[in-house]
Amino acid sequence: MRHSREVDPDRPPDPDFDTFYAAHFSSLTIQLYAYTGDLPTAQDVVQEAFCRALAQWKRTSRMDDPLAWVRRVAWNLATSQWRRARTAALFVRKHRMEHVPAPGPDRVALTAALATLPAQHRRVVVLHYLADQSVRDIADQVGVPEGTVKAWLHRGRTALAARLAEEEK
């Protein structure tokens, strides 16, 4: 008995893929539906298996049992899909995002006020107050003298104070 993947050179090729497809699509879909428990998935993997058979139909049609080959491909595709889904589910379970509460009114007001500052002033204010960097570290990072950083911090704080005071009214 020959394995379904072997090609019988004495057997003439079956040129009618459409008949083969029509005769076996439903039964293979039912089998894969029973295996996967999901009809759209079953239809997808069976369709993909038939597409692969069509791509090499000259060879596939000469096999002793082309249907066995298509069935094996469909089952392998379903198994691979299941493995990928399981791996993705494990990844999601391990890397769940923490629930972060919505920002409060103070944070919204601060963010809006920061957005009104010139970019350099906003940068030094954020680095100094939110990233806890010293004036020297900010000067090194930004590439300006420490006096410039101090001036930008002063201007940034003054502008923020004015904006936030306006918001409270």
N, C-alpha and C. Protein backbone atom coordinates (compact mmCIF):
# COMPACT_ATOMS: atom_id res chain seq x y z
N MET A 1 0.84 -1.18 0.00
CA MET A 1 0.00 0.00 0.00
C MET A 1 0.89 1.24 0.00
N ARG A 2 0.55 2.16 -0.84
CA ARG A 2 1.34 3.38 -0.96
C ARG A 2 0.87 4.42 0.03
N HIS A 3 1.81 5.22 0.48
CA HIS A 3 1.49 6.35 1.37
C HIS A 3 0.79 7.41 0.53
N SER A 4 -0.11 8.15 1.12
CA SER A 4 -0.91 9.13 0.37
C SER A 4 -0.06 10.24 -0.24
N ARG A 5 1.16 10.42 0.22
CA ARG A 5 1.99 11.48 -0.34
C ARG A 5 2.75 11.03 -1.59
N GLU A 6 2.79 9.76 -1.82
CA GLU A 6 3.52 9.26 -2.99
C GLU A 6 2.71 9.49 -4.25
N VAL A 7 3.42 9.70 -5.34
CA VAL A 7 2.78 9.92 -6.63
C VAL A 7 2.88 8.65 -7.44
N ASP A 8 1.76 8.22 -8.03
CA ASP A 8 1.73 7.04 -8.89
C ASP A 8 1.89 7.52 -10.32
N PRO A 9 3.05 7.29 -10.93
CA PRO A 9 3.28 7.81 -12.29
C PRO A 9 2.41 7.13 -13.34
N ASP A 10 1.88 5.93 -13.05
CA ASP A 10 1.06 5.23 -14.03
C ASP A 10 -0.39 5.73 -14.04
N ARG A 11 -0.79 6.42 -12.98
CA ARG A 11 -2.17 6.88 -12.87
C ARG A 11 -2.31 8.24 -13.57
N PRO A 12 -3.26 8.37 -14.45
CA PRO A 12 -3.43 9.66 -15.14
C PRO A 12 -3.95 10.71 -14.16
N PRO A 13 -3.55 11.95 -14.35
CA PRO A 13 -4.01 13.00 -13.43
C PRO A 13 -5.50 13.25 -13.60
N ASP A 14 -6.14 13.57 -12.47
CA ASP A 14 -7.55 13.93 -12.50
C ASP A 14 -7.62 15.43 -12.73
N PRO A 15 -8.06 15.85 -13.91
CA PRO A 15 -8.03 17.28 -14.22
C PRO A 15 -9.15 18.06 -13.56
N ASP A 16 -10.10 17.39 -12.92
CA ASP A 16 -11.27 18.08 -12.44
C ASP A 16 -11.19 18.38 -10.94
N PHE A 17 -10.47 19.42 -10.60
CA PHE A 17 -10.34 19.83 -9.20
C PHE A 17 -11.69 20.28 -8.64
N ASP A 18 -12.47 20.97 -9.47
CA ASP A 18 -13.77 21.48 -9.00
C ASP A 18 -14.67 20.36 -8.50
N THR A 19 -14.69 19.23 -9.21
CA THR A 19 -15.50 18.09 -8.79
C THR A 19 -14.98 17.53 -7.47
N PHE A 20 -13.66 17.41 -7.37
CA PHE A 20 -13.03 16.91 -6.15
C PHE A 20 -13.38 17.82 -4.97
N TYR A 21 -13.26 19.11 -5.18
CA TYR A 21 -13.56 20.08 -4.14
C TYR A 21 -15.02 19.98 -3.71
N ALA A 22 -15.92 19.99 -4.67
CA ALA A 22 -17.35 19.95 -4.37
C ALA A 22 -17.74 18.67 -3.64
N ALA A 23 -17.09 17.58 -3.97
CA ALA A 23 -17.43 16.29 -3.37
C ALA A 23 -16.95 16.17 -1.93
N HIS A 24 -15.90 16.90 -1.56
CA HIS A 24 -15.27 16.64 -0.26
C HIS A 24 -15.22 17.82 0.70
N PHE A 25 -15.51 19.03 0.23
CA PHE A 25 -15.40 20.19 1.12
C PHE A 25 -16.30 20.06 2.34
N SER A 26 -17.55 19.73 2.15
CA SER A 26 -18.50 19.67 3.27
C SER A 26 -18.10 18.62 4.29
N SER A 27 -17.76 17.43 3.82
CA SER A 27 -17.43 16.36 4.78
C SER A 27 -16.16 16.70 5.56
N LEU A 28 -15.17 17.28 4.90
CA LEU A 28 -13.95 17.68 5.63
C LEU A 28 -14.24 18.81 6.61
N THR A 29 -15.10 19.73 6.23
CA THR A 29 -15.46 20.83 7.12
C THR A 29 -16.14 20.29 8.37
N ILE A 30 -17.02 19.32 8.20
CA ILE A 30 -17.71 18.72 9.35
C ILE A 30 -16.70 18.05 10.28
N GLN A 31 -15.75 17.33 9.69
CA GLN A 31 -14.72 16.66 10.51
C GLN A 31 -13.89 17.69 11.29
N LEU A 32 -13.48 18.73 10.61
CA LEU A 32 -12.65 19.74 11.28
C LEU A 32 -13.46 20.57 12.26
N TYR A 33 -14.74 20.74 11.99
CA TYR A 33 -15.61 21.43 12.94
C TYR A 33 -15.70 20.63 14.24
N ALA A 34 -15.83 19.32 14.10
CA ALA A 34 -15.87 18.46 15.29
C ALA A 34 -14.55 18.54 16.06
N TYR A 35 -13.46 18.68 15.34
CA TYR A 35 -12.13 18.75 15.97
C TYR A 35 -11.90 20.11 16.63
N THR A 36 -12.23 21.20 15.92
CA THR A 36 -11.91 22.54 16.44
C THR A 36 -13.01 23.12 17.31
N GLY A 37 -14.26 22.71 17.07
CA GLY A 37 -15.38 23.27 17.81
C GLY A 37 -15.77 24.65 17.32
N ASP A 38 -15.22 25.08 16.19
CA ASP A 38 -15.49 26.41 15.66
C ASP A 38 -15.67 26.30 14.15
N LEU A 39 -16.88 26.55 13.67
CA LEU A 39 -17.17 26.39 12.24
C LEU A 39 -16.34 27.30 11.34
N PRO A 40 -16.22 28.61 11.64
CA PRO A 40 -15.39 29.45 10.76
C PRO A 40 -13.93 28.98 10.68
N THR A 41 -13.39 28.53 11.80
CA THR A 41 -12.02 28.02 11.79
C THR A 41 -11.94 26.77 10.93
N ALA A 42 -12.90 25.88 11.09
CA ALA A 42 -12.92 24.65 10.30
C ALA A 42 -13.00 24.97 8.81
N GLN A 43 -13.86 25.89 8.45
CA GLN A 43 -13.98 26.27 7.04
C GLN A 43 -12.67 26.87 6.52
N ASP A 44 -12.04 27.69 7.34
CA ASP A 44 -10.78 28.32 6.92
C ASP A 44 -9.68 27.30 6.68
N VAL A 45 -9.51 26.37 7.60
CA VAL A 45 -8.40 25.41 7.43
C VAL A 45 -8.67 24.45 6.28
N VAL A 46 -9.92 24.06 6.09
CA VAL A 46 -10.25 23.19 4.96
C VAL A 46 -10.04 23.95 3.65
N GLN A 47 -10.48 25.18 3.62
CA GLN A 47 -10.28 25.99 2.41
C GLN A 47 -8.79 26.14 2.10
N GLU A 48 -7.98 26.41 3.13
CA GLU A 48 -6.53 26.54 2.93
C GLU A 48 -5.93 25.23 2.43
N ALA A 49 -6.38 24.12 2.97
CA ALA A 49 -5.87 22.82 2.52
C ALA A 49 -6.20 22.59 1.05
N PHE A 50 -7.41 22.93 0.64
CA PHE A 50 -7.78 22.79 -0.77
C PHE A 50 -6.98 23.75 -1.65
N CYS A 51 -6.70 24.94 -1.15
CA CYS A 51 -5.87 25.88 -1.92
C CYS A 51 -4.48 25.31 -2.15
N ARG A 52 -3.94 24.69 -1.13
CA ARG A 52 -2.61 24.08 -1.28
C ARG A 52 -2.65 22.90 -2.24
N ALA A 53 -3.74 22.14 -2.21
CA ALA A 53 -3.89 21.03 -3.16
C ALA A 53 -3.99 21.56 -4.58
N LEU A 54 -4.75 22.63 -4.77
CA LEU A 54 -4.89 23.21 -6.11
C LEU A 54 -3.57 23.74 -6.63
N ALA A 55 -2.77 24.33 -5.75
CA ALA A 55 -1.49 24.90 -6.17
C ALA A 55 -0.56 23.84 -6.75
N GLN A 56 -0.73 22.61 -6.32
CA GLN A 56 0.10 21.52 -6.86
C GLN A 56 -0.81 20.38 -7.35
N TRP A 57 -1.88 20.73 -8.03
CA TRP A 57 -2.91 19.78 -8.40
C TRP A 57 -2.38 18.66 -9.29
N LYS A 58 -1.44 18.94 -10.17
CA LYS A 58 -0.88 17.87 -11.02
C LYS A 58 -0.32 16.75 -10.15
N ARG A 59 0.43 17.12 -9.15
CA ARG A 59 1.04 16.14 -8.26
C ARG A 59 0.00 15.53 -7.32
N THR A 60 -0.83 16.38 -6.72
CA THR A 60 -1.82 15.92 -5.74
C THR A 60 -2.82 14.96 -6.37
N SER A 61 -3.27 15.27 -7.57
CA SER A 61 -4.29 14.44 -8.21
C SER A 61 -3.77 13.05 -8.57
N ARG A 62 -2.47 12.87 -8.64
CA ARG A 62 -1.89 11.57 -8.97
C ARG A 62 -1.65 10.69 -7.74
N MET A 63 -1.88 11.24 -6.57
CA MET A 63 -1.69 10.45 -5.35
C MET A 63 -2.73 9.35 -5.28
N ASP A 64 -2.42 8.30 -4.54
CA ASP A 64 -3.38 7.22 -4.37
C ASP A 64 -4.65 7.73 -3.70
N ASP A 65 -4.50 8.64 -2.77
CA ASP A 65 -5.67 9.17 -2.05
C ASP A 65 -5.47 10.67 -1.82
N PRO A 66 -5.82 11.49 -2.82
CA PRO A 66 -5.66 12.93 -2.66
C PRO A 66 -6.45 13.49 -1.48
N LEU A 67 -7.60 12.87 -1.20
CA LEU A 67 -8.42 13.34 -0.09
C LEU A 67 -7.69 13.17 1.24
N ALA A 68 -6.95 12.07 1.39
CA ALA A 68 -6.19 11.85 2.63
C ALA A 68 -5.13 12.94 2.80
N TRP A 69 -4.53 13.35 1.69
CA TRP A 69 -3.51 14.40 1.75
C TRP A 69 -4.16 15.72 2.17
N VAL A 70 -5.29 16.08 1.57
CA VAL A 70 -5.98 17.32 1.92
C VAL A 70 -6.44 17.28 3.37
N ARG A 71 -6.95 16.14 3.81
CA ARG A 71 -7.40 15.99 5.20
C ARG A 71 -6.23 16.19 6.16
N ARG A 72 -5.08 15.60 5.87
CA ARG A 72 -3.90 15.72 6.73
C ARG A 72 -3.45 17.18 6.80
N VAL A 73 -3.44 17.85 5.65
CA VAL A 73 -3.04 19.26 5.64
C VAL A 73 -4.01 20.09 6.48
N ALA A 74 -5.30 19.85 6.34
CA ALA A 74 -6.30 20.60 7.11
C ALA A 74 -6.13 20.36 8.61
N TRP A 75 -5.93 19.10 9.01
CA TRP A 75 -5.74 18.79 10.43
C TRP A 75 -4.46 19.45 10.95
N ASN A 76 -3.40 19.42 10.16
CA ASN A 76 -2.14 20.05 10.58
C ASN A 76 -2.33 21.56 10.75
N LEU A 77 -3.06 22.17 9.82
CA LEU A 77 -3.32 23.61 9.93
C LEU A 77 -4.14 23.93 11.17
N ALA A 78 -5.14 23.11 11.45
CA ALA A 78 -5.97 23.33 12.65
C ALA A 78 -5.13 23.18 13.92
N THR A 79 -4.28 22.18 13.94
CA THR A 79 -3.42 21.96 15.10
C THR A 79 -2.46 23.13 15.28
N SER A 80 -1.88 23.60 14.19
CA SER A 80 -0.97 24.74 14.27
C SER A 80 -1.69 25.99 14.76
N GLN A 81 -2.91 26.19 14.28
CA GLN A 81 -3.69 27.35 14.72
C GLN A 81 -3.98 27.25 16.22
N TRP A 82 -4.33 26.06 16.66
CA TRP A 82 -4.62 25.86 18.08
C TRP A 82 -3.37 26.15 18.92
N ARG A 83 -2.20 25.69 18.46
CA ARG A 83 -0.96 25.94 19.19
C ARG A 83 -0.65 27.43 19.26
N ARG A 84 -0.82 28.12 18.13
CA ARG A 84 -0.57 29.57 18.14
C ARG A 84 -1.53 30.28 19.08
N ALA A 85 -2.78 29.88 19.08
CA ALA A 85 -3.76 30.51 19.97
C ALA A 85 -3.42 30.24 21.43
N ARG A 86 -2.98 29.02 21.73
CA ARG A 86 -2.60 28.68 23.11
C ARG A 86 -1.39 29.51 23.54
N THR A 87 -0.41 29.64 22.68
CA THR A 87 0.78 30.43 22.98
C THR A 87 0.40 31.90 23.21
N ALA A 88 -0.48 32.42 22.37
CA ALA A 88 -0.92 33.81 22.53
C ALA A 88 -1.67 33.99 23.84
N ALA A 89 -2.52 33.03 24.20
CA ALA A 89 -3.27 33.12 25.45
C ALA A 89 -2.33 33.09 26.65
N LEU A 90 -1.31 32.24 26.59
CA LEU A 90 -0.34 32.19 27.69
C LEU A 90 0.41 33.51 27.81
N PHE A 91 0.77 34.09 26.68
CA PHE A 91 1.46 35.37 26.67
C PHE A 91 0.58 36.44 27.31
N VAL A 92 -0.68 36.47 26.92
CA VAL A 92 -1.60 37.49 27.45
C VAL A 92 -1.77 37.31 28.96
N ARG A 93 -1.88 36.05 29.40
CA ARG A 93 -2.04 35.83 30.85
C ARG A 93 -0.82 36.30 31.62
N LYS A 94 0.37 36.09 31.06
CA LYS A 94 1.59 36.49 31.75
C LYS A 94 1.83 37.98 31.69
N HIS A 95 1.31 38.63 30.66
CA HIS A 95 1.59 40.04 30.43
C HIS A 95 0.33 40.89 30.48
N ARG A 96 -0.51 40.60 31.43
CA ARG A 96 -1.74 41.38 31.55
C ARG A 96 -1.40 42.82 31.89
N MET A 97 -2.12 43.68 31.26
CA MET A 97 -1.93 45.09 31.57
C MET A 97 -2.64 45.40 32.88
N GLU A 98 -2.01 46.21 33.66
CA GLU A 98 -2.62 46.62 34.91
C GLU A 98 -3.72 47.64 34.61
N HIS A 99 -4.75 47.55 35.39
CA HIS A 99 -5.82 48.54 35.24
C HIS A 99 -5.33 49.84 35.86
N VAL A 100 -5.31 50.86 35.06
CA VAL A 100 -4.87 52.17 35.52
C VAL A 100 -6.10 53.06 35.58
N PRO A 101 -6.35 53.66 36.73
CA PRO A 101 -7.54 54.52 36.82
C PRO A 101 -7.38 55.74 35.92
N ALA A 102 -8.49 56.29 35.54
CA ALA A 102 -8.48 57.49 34.70
C ALA A 102 -7.82 58.63 35.47
N PRO A 103 -7.16 59.52 34.75
CA PRO A 103 -6.51 60.63 35.43
C PRO A 103 -7.53 61.54 36.10
N GLY A 104 -7.15 62.04 37.25
CA GLY A 104 -8.02 62.94 38.00
C GLY A 104 -8.00 64.33 37.40
N PRO A 105 -8.84 65.21 37.91
CA PRO A 105 -8.93 66.57 37.37
C PRO A 105 -7.61 67.34 37.50
N ASP A 106 -6.87 67.09 38.60
CA ASP A 106 -5.59 67.80 38.77
C ASP A 106 -4.59 67.40 37.69
N ARG A 107 -4.54 66.12 37.39
CA ARG A 107 -3.61 65.65 36.36
C ARG A 107 -4.01 66.18 35.00
N VAL A 108 -5.28 66.21 34.72
CA VAL A 108 -5.76 66.74 33.44
C VAL A 108 -5.39 68.22 33.32
N ALA A 109 -5.59 68.96 34.38
CA ALA A 109 -5.27 70.39 34.37
C ALA A 109 -3.76 70.60 34.19
N LEU A 110 -2.96 69.80 34.89
CA LEU A 110 -1.50 69.93 34.77
C LEU A 110 -1.05 69.59 33.36
N THR A 111 -1.58 68.53 32.79
CA THR A 111 -1.20 68.13 31.43
C THR A 111 -1.57 69.22 30.43
N ALA A 112 -2.75 69.78 30.59
CA ALA A 112 -3.18 70.86 29.69
C ALA A 112 -2.29 72.08 29.85
N ALA A 113 -1.93 72.41 31.08
CA ALA A 113 -1.06 73.57 31.32
C ALA A 113 0.34 73.33 30.76
N LEU A 114 0.86 72.12 30.95
CA LEU A 114 2.19 71.80 30.40
C LEU A 114 2.19 71.92 28.88
N ALA A 115 1.09 71.54 28.25
CA ALA A 115 1.02 71.59 26.78
C ALA A 115 1.11 73.01 26.25
N THR A 116 0.83 74.02 27.08
CA THR A 116 0.88 75.41 26.63
C THR A 116 2.29 76.00 26.71
N LEU A 117 3.20 75.32 27.41
CA LEU A 117 4.57 75.83 27.56
C LEU A 117 5.37 75.61 26.28
N PRO A 118 6.38 76.47 26.05
CA PRO A 118 7.31 76.19 24.96
C PRO A 118 8.01 74.84 25.21
N ALA A 119 8.40 74.18 24.16
CA ALA A 119 8.93 72.81 24.26
C ALA A 119 10.11 72.69 25.23
N GLN A 120 11.07 73.63 25.19
CA GLN A 120 12.23 73.54 26.08
C GLN A 120 11.84 73.75 27.54
N HIS A 121 10.93 74.67 27.78
CA HIS A 121 10.48 74.91 29.17
C HIS A 121 9.76 73.66 29.68
N ARG A 122 8.88 73.11 28.85
CA ARG A 122 8.14 71.90 29.25
C ARG A 122 9.11 70.76 29.52
N ARG A 123 10.12 70.63 28.68
CA ARG A 123 11.08 69.53 28.84
C ARG A 123 11.81 69.62 30.17
N VAL A 124 12.33 70.79 30.50
CA VAL A 124 13.09 70.91 31.75
C VAL A 124 12.20 70.78 32.97
N VAL A 125 10.97 71.29 32.90
CA VAL A 125 10.04 71.14 34.03
C VAL A 125 9.74 69.66 34.26
N VAL A 126 9.47 68.94 33.19
CA VAL A 126 9.16 67.51 33.32
C VAL A 126 10.38 66.75 33.84
N LEU A 127 11.56 67.02 33.29
CA LEU A 127 12.76 66.31 33.74
C LEU A 127 13.08 66.61 35.21
N HIS A 128 12.88 67.86 35.61
CA HIS A 128 13.22 68.24 36.98
C HIS A 128 12.20 67.73 37.99
N TYR A 129 10.91 67.93 37.71
CA TYR A 129 9.89 67.60 38.71
C TYR A 129 9.32 66.19 38.59
N LEU A 130 9.26 65.67 37.40
CA LEU A 130 8.68 64.33 37.25
C LEU A 130 9.74 63.23 37.16
N ALA A 131 10.91 63.56 36.60
CA ALA A 131 11.97 62.56 36.50
C ALA A 131 13.03 62.74 37.59
N ASP A 132 12.84 63.72 38.47
CA ASP A 132 13.74 63.99 39.60
C ASP A 132 15.20 64.15 39.18
N GLN A 133 15.44 64.86 38.08
CA GLN A 133 16.81 65.10 37.64
C GLN A 133 17.27 66.46 38.16
N SER A 134 18.56 66.53 38.43
CA SER A 134 19.12 67.79 38.92
C SER A 134 19.30 68.76 37.75
N VAL A 135 19.51 70.02 38.10
CA VAL A 135 19.74 71.04 37.07
C VAL A 135 20.98 70.68 36.25
N ARG A 136 22.03 70.19 36.91
CA ARG A 136 23.26 69.81 36.22
C ARG A 136 22.99 68.66 35.23
N ASP A 137 22.24 67.64 35.67
CA ASP A 137 21.93 66.51 34.79
C ASP A 137 21.11 66.95 33.58
N ILE A 138 20.16 67.84 33.83
CA ILE A 138 19.33 68.33 32.72
C ILE A 138 20.20 69.12 31.74
N ALA A 139 21.08 69.97 32.27
CA ALA A 139 21.96 70.77 31.41
C ALA A 139 22.82 69.85 30.54
N ASP A 140 23.36 68.79 31.13
CA ASP A 140 24.17 67.84 30.36
C ASP A 140 23.34 67.14 29.29
N GLN A 141 22.15 66.73 29.66
CA GLN A 141 21.29 66.00 28.73
C GLN A 141 20.82 66.88 27.57
N VAL A 142 20.43 68.11 27.89
CA VAL A 142 19.89 69.02 26.88
C VAL A 142 21.01 69.70 26.10
N GLY A 143 22.17 69.82 26.72
CA GLY A 143 23.31 70.45 26.04
C GLY A 143 23.30 71.96 26.12
N VAL A 144 22.88 72.48 27.28
CA VAL A 144 22.86 73.93 27.49
C VAL A 144 23.50 74.20 28.85
N PRO A 145 23.91 75.45 29.12
CA PRO A 145 24.48 75.78 30.43
C PRO A 145 23.43 75.64 31.54
N GLU A 146 23.91 75.44 32.76
CA GLU A 146 23.02 75.29 33.92
C GLU A 146 22.16 76.54 34.12
N GLY A 147 22.73 77.70 33.86
CA GLY A 147 21.98 78.94 34.00
C GLY A 147 20.77 78.97 33.07
N THR A 148 20.92 78.44 31.87
CA THR A 148 19.81 78.39 30.93
C THR A 148 18.71 77.47 31.46
N VAL A 149 19.10 76.34 32.02
CA VAL A 149 18.12 75.41 32.59
C VAL A 149 17.37 76.09 33.73
N LYS A 150 18.12 76.81 34.58
CA LYS A 150 17.47 77.51 35.70
C LYS A 150 16.48 78.56 35.20
N ALA A 151 16.86 79.27 34.15
CA ALA A 151 15.97 80.30 33.59
C ALA A 151 14.71 79.65 33.01
N TRP A 152 14.89 78.55 32.28
CA TRP A 152 13.74 77.86 31.68
C TRP A 152 12.83 77.29 32.77
N LEU A 153 13.43 76.76 33.85
CA LEU A 153 12.62 76.26 34.97
C LEU A 153 11.81 77.39 35.59
N HIS A 154 12.47 78.52 35.78
CA HIS A 154 11.77 79.66 36.39
C HIS A 154 10.60 80.10 35.50
N ARG A 155 10.87 80.28 34.22
CA ARG A 155 9.82 80.71 33.28
C ARG A 155 8.70 79.67 33.20
N GLY A 156 9.08 78.39 33.18
CA GLY A 156 8.09 77.30 33.11
C GLY A 156 7.20 77.28 34.34
N ARG A 157 7.82 77.40 35.53
CA ARG A 157 7.04 77.41 36.79
C ARG A 157 6.10 78.61 36.84
N THR A 158 6.60 79.75 36.43
CA THR A 158 5.78 80.97 36.45
C THR A 158 4.58 80.81 35.51
N ALA A 159 4.82 80.32 34.32
CA ALA A 159 3.73 80.15 33.34
C ALA A 159 2.73 79.09 33.84
N LEU A 160 3.25 78.01 34.42
CA LEU A 160 2.36 76.97 34.95
C LEU A 160 1.49 77.51 36.08
N ALA A 161 2.11 78.25 36.97
CA ALA A 161 1.36 78.82 38.10
C ALA A 161 0.24 79.70 37.59
N ALA A 162 0.52 80.53 36.58
CA ALA A 162 -0.50 81.41 36.02
C ALA A 162 -1.61 80.60 35.36
N ARG A 163 -1.26 79.61 34.59
CA ARG A 163 -2.27 78.78 33.90
C ARG A 163 -3.14 78.03 34.89
N LEU A 164 -2.51 77.45 35.89
CA LEU A 164 -3.27 76.66 36.89
C LEU A 164 -4.15 77.56 37.73
N ALA A 165 -3.69 78.79 38.01
CA ALA A 165 -4.50 79.74 38.77
C ALA A 165 -5.74 80.12 37.95
N GLU A 166 -5.58 80.27 36.64
CA GLU A 166 -6.70 80.57 35.76
C GLU A 166 -7.72 79.44 35.78
N GLU A 167 -7.23 78.21 35.81
CA GLU A 167 -8.10 77.02 35.81
C GLU A 167 -8.96 76.95 37.06
N GLU A 168 -8.41 77.40 38.20
CA GLU A 168 -9.13 77.30 39.48
C GLU A 168 -10.28 78.29 39.57
N LYS A 169 -10.24 79.33 38.77
CA LYS A 169 -11.29 80.37 38.84
C LYS A 169 -12.58 79.90 38.25
